[in-house]
Amino acid sequence: MSPASLLFLTGLVLGLVLLAWGWRRLWQAAERANRTDWGSKWLNRIEGLFQILLVHYHRFEYQEIPLPESGPALVVANHVSGLDPLLLIVASPRPVRFIIAQEQYYRFGLHWLFKAGGCIPVDRKSRGDEAFRAALDALNRGEVVALFPQGGIRDPGTPPPRLRRGVARLARLSGAPVYPCYISGINPRVHGHVLRSVFLRSRVRLETAPPVDCAEHKELDCLKKLAEILNKSET
């Protein structure tokens, strides 16, 4: 073997060793950062990676969502970027199942993760009855379901949208309390974007409000109460 070939082979082996070492260190860091048991070592590691990304890169400041230790709960938040679901995952002490748009659920390269995380796809072109039943079944099993009742990602410069009524119906039929969260501090350059919001740095914050018991309110009153929290000014 020539000296050049030997040098190349040595460099290649060394590079692979360093890559494996770095990969192992990353997973170890993710395991240390993990806070919520998702019932799977790999999902726990991914949640740990979200913790590292948001706290250390996006400078995430948050109030932990005050979920009960067990039983059904609905988590809702305003929707300004693709980073929002990760924020709710990190701020939640329990695993969260998201109702997400069908086109996002089947996004290339991410479908496996959404499926493993128990996300519920909804076809926004239809009434969404199948997704509603799946969410209601999850709540009846005592799980936590999260959704963005404003609909799609909202540009903060637009008028506040009317909240979707499904959240009030889910709360009433399941008896689950609703935990409202308000997201702010997203980099203005990523408002309305999904993947870009992950890579461009923000100084993001999440505030929580006391849970709303929709069983104690009429549907429209419940939506009005939630809208007061979710439709706050983005300034």
Protein backbone atom coordinates (compact mmCIF):
# COMPACT_ATOMS: atom_id res chain seq x y z
CA MET A 1 0.00 0.00 0.00
CA SER A 2 1.37 3.40 -0.98
CA PRO A 3 1.99 6.07 1.69
CA ALA A 4 -0.80 8.22 0.17
CA SER A 5 -3.30 5.33 0.32
CA LEU A 6 -2.27 4.51 3.89
CA LEU A 7 -2.70 8.16 4.88
CA PHE A 8 -6.15 8.30 3.27
CA LEU A 9 -7.25 5.05 4.96
CA THR A 10 -5.98 6.23 8.34
CA GLY A 11 -7.81 9.54 7.95
CA LEU A 12 -11.02 7.77 6.94
CA VAL A 13 -10.92 5.42 9.95
CA LEU A 14 -10.12 8.31 12.28
CA GLY A 15 -12.99 10.35 10.82
CA LEU A 16 -15.44 7.48 11.33
CA VAL A 17 -14.26 7.00 14.91
CA LEU A 18 -14.69 10.70 15.67
CA LEU A 19 -18.13 10.70 14.03
CA ALA A 20 -19.25 7.70 16.11
CA TRP A 21 -17.81 9.31 19.24
CA GLY A 22 -19.61 12.59 18.53
CA TRP A 23 -22.86 10.78 17.78
CA ARG A 24 -22.62 8.85 21.05
CA ARG A 25 -21.91 12.03 23.01
CA LEU A 26 -24.91 13.71 21.40
CA TRP A 27 -27.25 10.87 22.37
CA GLN A 28 -25.83 10.87 25.90
CA ALA A 29 -26.51 14.61 26.17
CA ALA A 30 -30.06 14.04 24.87
CA GLU A 31 -30.67 11.33 27.48
CA ARG A 32 -29.52 13.68 30.25
CA ALA A 33 -31.74 16.50 28.93
CA ASN A 34 -34.84 14.33 28.56
CA ARG A 35 -37.61 15.26 31.03
CA THR A 36 -40.68 13.34 29.85
CA ASP A 37 -41.14 9.60 29.42
CA TRP A 38 -42.63 8.98 25.98
CA GLY A 39 -42.53 5.21 26.42
CA SER A 40 -39.65 4.77 23.96
CA LYS A 41 -35.91 5.26 24.35
CA TRP A 42 -35.65 6.87 20.91
CA LEU A 43 -38.58 9.24 21.47
CA ASN A 44 -37.12 10.18 24.85
CA ARG A 45 -33.81 10.99 23.17
CA ILE A 46 -35.56 13.08 20.55
CA GLU A 47 -37.39 14.99 23.27
CA GLY A 48 -34.01 15.55 24.91
CA LEU A 49 -32.66 16.95 21.64
CA PHE A 50 -35.62 19.34 21.53
CA GLN A 51 -34.74 20.45 25.07
CA ILE A 52 -31.15 21.20 24.01
CA LEU A 53 -32.16 22.96 20.80
CA LEU A 54 -34.78 25.19 22.37
CA VAL A 55 -33.14 26.04 25.69
CA HIS A 56 -29.58 26.55 24.45
CA TYR A 57 -30.09 27.74 20.88
CA HIS A 58 -33.50 29.43 20.86
CA ARG A 59 -33.06 30.73 24.45
CA PHE A 60 -36.45 29.33 25.37
CA GLU A 61 -38.00 30.71 28.55
CA TYR A 62 -41.21 29.04 29.65
CA GLN A 63 -43.64 28.23 32.38
CA GLU A 64 -44.25 24.50 32.60
CA ILE A 65 -47.79 23.65 31.52
CA PRO A 66 -49.51 22.74 34.83
CA LEU A 67 -51.03 19.48 33.61
CA PRO A 68 -52.51 16.98 36.06
CA GLU A 69 -50.38 13.89 36.71
CA SER A 70 -53.01 11.74 35.01
CA GLY A 71 -56.30 12.06 33.20
CA PRO A 72 -57.36 13.84 30.01
CA ALA A 73 -56.20 17.35 29.17
CA LEU A 74 -56.36 19.65 26.16
CA VAL A 75 -53.46 22.01 25.43
CA VAL A 76 -54.04 24.95 23.08
CA ALA A 77 -51.79 27.76 21.90
CA ASN A 78 -51.50 30.49 19.32
CA HIS A 79 -49.72 29.41 16.13
CA VAL A 80 -46.99 31.57 14.61
CA SER A 81 -44.32 29.17 13.28
CA GLY A 82 -43.27 25.57 12.85
CA LEU A 83 -41.40 25.77 16.15
CA ASP A 84 -44.63 25.93 18.16
CA PRO A 85 -45.23 22.16 18.61
CA LEU A 86 -41.66 21.69 19.88
CA LEU A 87 -42.24 24.44 22.45
CA LEU A 88 -45.32 22.66 23.81
CA ILE A 89 -43.47 19.33 23.94
CA VAL A 90 -40.62 20.84 25.96
CA ALA A 91 -42.96 22.73 28.30
CA SER A 92 -45.20 19.72 28.96
CA PRO A 93 -44.50 17.26 31.81
CA ARG A 94 -46.46 14.57 29.92
CA PRO A 95 -46.39 13.22 26.35
CA VAL A 96 -48.58 15.25 24.01
CA ARG A 97 -50.52 14.08 20.95
CA PHE A 98 -50.94 16.79 18.31
CA ILE A 99 -53.74 17.30 15.85
CA ILE A 100 -51.86 18.40 12.73
CA ALA A 101 -52.68 19.10 9.09
CA GLN A 102 -52.64 16.00 6.93
CA GLU A 103 -50.10 17.51 4.50
CA GLN A 104 -47.69 18.06 7.40
CA TYR A 105 -48.31 14.57 8.84
CA TYR A 106 -47.22 12.99 5.55
CA ARG A 107 -44.30 15.36 4.97
CA PHE A 108 -41.35 13.48 3.47
CA GLY A 109 -38.75 12.50 6.06
CA LEU A 110 -40.92 13.43 9.05
CA HIS A 111 -43.90 11.09 8.70
CA TRP A 112 -42.21 8.40 10.81
CA LEU A 113 -41.68 10.86 13.66
CA PHE A 114 -45.25 12.20 13.59
CA LYS A 115 -46.60 8.66 13.53
CA ALA A 116 -44.33 7.49 16.38
CA GLY A 117 -45.36 10.51 18.43
CA GLY A 118 -49.04 9.67 18.06
CA CYS A 119 -49.98 12.73 15.99
CA ILE A 120 -53.51 12.83 14.62
CA PRO A 121 -53.76 13.98 10.98
CA VAL A 122 -56.71 16.12 9.91
CA ASP A 123 -57.80 16.86 6.36
CA ARG A 124 -58.47 20.60 6.40
CA LYS A 125 -60.50 20.29 3.18
CA SER A 126 -63.09 18.09 4.89
CA ARG A 127 -65.07 18.33 8.14
CA GLY A 128 -62.36 16.42 10.00
CA ASP A 129 -64.79 14.00 11.68
CA GLU A 130 -62.26 11.14 11.71
CA ALA A 131 -59.59 13.27 13.40
CA PHE A 132 -62.16 14.55 15.90
CA ARG A 133 -63.14 11.00 16.87
CA ALA A 134 -59.48 9.98 17.20
CA ALA A 135 -58.77 12.96 19.46
CA LEU A 136 -61.87 12.26 21.55
CA ASP A 137 -60.85 8.60 21.94
CA ALA A 138 -57.37 9.68 23.08
CA LEU A 139 -58.88 12.03 25.68
CA ASN A 140 -61.24 9.32 26.89
CA ARG A 141 -58.16 7.13 27.46
CA GLY A 142 -56.74 9.86 29.70
CA GLU A 143 -54.17 11.23 27.24
CA VAL A 144 -53.07 14.80 26.53
CA VAL A 145 -54.07 16.27 23.15
CA ALA A 146 -52.73 19.55 21.78
CA LEU A 147 -54.09 21.67 18.96
CA PHE A 148 -53.90 25.16 17.52
CA PRO A 149 -57.52 26.37 17.35
CA GLN A 150 -56.59 29.46 15.33
CA GLY A 151 -56.16 27.10 12.37
CA GLY A 152 -53.04 27.49 10.25
CA ILE A 153 -49.96 29.49 11.15
CA ARG A 154 -50.93 33.11 11.63
CA ASP A 155 -49.04 36.20 10.55
CA PRO A 156 -49.06 38.46 13.64
CA GLY A 157 -49.90 41.43 11.42
CA THR A 158 -53.26 39.96 10.46
CA PRO A 159 -56.52 40.32 12.44
CA PRO A 160 -57.01 37.60 15.08
CA PRO A 161 -58.93 34.66 13.58
CA ARG A 162 -62.05 33.18 15.08
CA LEU A 163 -61.18 30.05 17.05
CA ARG A 164 -62.26 26.68 15.69
CA ARG A 165 -65.21 25.31 17.66
CA GLY A 166 -63.79 21.78 17.80
CA VAL A 167 -61.72 22.54 20.89
CA ALA A 168 -64.81 23.47 22.91
CA ARG A 169 -66.67 20.37 21.68
CA LEU A 170 -63.75 18.10 22.58
CA ALA A 171 -63.54 19.63 26.04
CA ARG A 172 -67.28 19.33 26.65
CA LEU A 173 -67.60 15.72 25.42
CA SER A 174 -64.49 14.44 27.21
CA GLY A 175 -64.67 16.56 30.34
CA ALA A 176 -61.02 17.52 29.79
CA PRO A 177 -59.83 20.89 31.10
CA VAL A 178 -58.23 23.20 28.53
CA TYR A 179 -54.75 24.57 29.23
CA PRO A 180 -54.12 27.74 27.17
CA CYS A 181 -50.56 28.80 26.28
CA TYR A 182 -49.29 31.96 24.63
CA ILE A 183 -46.15 31.93 22.45
CA SER A 184 -44.09 35.05 21.76
CA GLY A 185 -40.54 36.08 20.89
CA ILE A 186 -40.31 34.16 17.61
CA ASN A 187 -37.80 35.66 15.17
CA PRO A 188 -39.89 37.89 12.81
CA ARG A 189 -38.02 36.39 9.84
CA VAL A 190 -39.58 32.99 10.49
CA HIS A 191 -43.19 34.00 11.14
CA GLY A 192 -45.38 31.75 9.03
CA HIS A 193 -42.56 29.31 8.21
CA VAL A 194 -42.11 25.72 9.31
CA LEU A 195 -38.54 24.46 8.82
CA ARG A 196 -36.88 27.88 8.72
CA SER A 197 -38.08 28.57 12.26
CA VAL A 198 -36.00 25.65 13.55
CA PHE A 199 -32.72 26.97 12.12
CA LEU A 200 -32.98 30.75 12.55
CA ARG A 201 -32.41 31.70 16.16
CA SER A 202 -35.18 33.21 18.29
CA ARG A 203 -35.61 34.33 21.89
CA VAL A 204 -38.87 32.53 22.41
CA ARG A 205 -41.20 32.53 25.42
CA LEU A 206 -44.22 30.51 26.48
CA GLU A 207 -46.70 31.74 29.08
CA THR A 208 -49.43 29.60 30.57
CA ALA A 209 -52.84 30.61 31.89
CA PRO A 210 -55.10 28.85 34.40
CA PRO A 211 -57.05 25.93 32.88
CA VAL A 212 -60.48 26.62 31.45
CA ASP A 213 -63.31 24.21 32.26
CA CYS A 214 -65.54 24.39 29.19
CA ALA A 215 -68.14 22.25 30.95
CA GLU A 216 -68.87 25.28 33.12
CA HIS A 217 -69.36 27.61 30.15
CA LYS A 218 -71.48 27.71 27.04
CA GLU A 219 -69.51 26.83 23.92
CA LEU A 220 -69.24 30.41 22.66
CA ASP A 221 -68.29 31.68 26.12
CA CYS A 222 -65.56 29.06 26.33
CA LEU A 223 -64.17 30.08 22.93
CA LYS A 224 -64.31 33.74 23.90
CA LYS A 225 -62.36 33.06 27.08
CA LEU A 226 -59.69 31.12 25.18
CA ALA A 227 -59.50 33.76 22.44
CA GLU A 228 -58.68 36.43 25.02
CA ILE A 229 -55.50 34.50 25.79
CA LEU A 230 -54.51 33.22 22.36
CA ASN A 231 -55.25 36.37 20.37
CA LYS A 232 -53.07 38.70 22.42
CA SER A 233 -50.99 41.28 20.55
CA GLU A 234 -47.65 40.01 19.25
CA THR A 235 -45.89 43.25 20.08
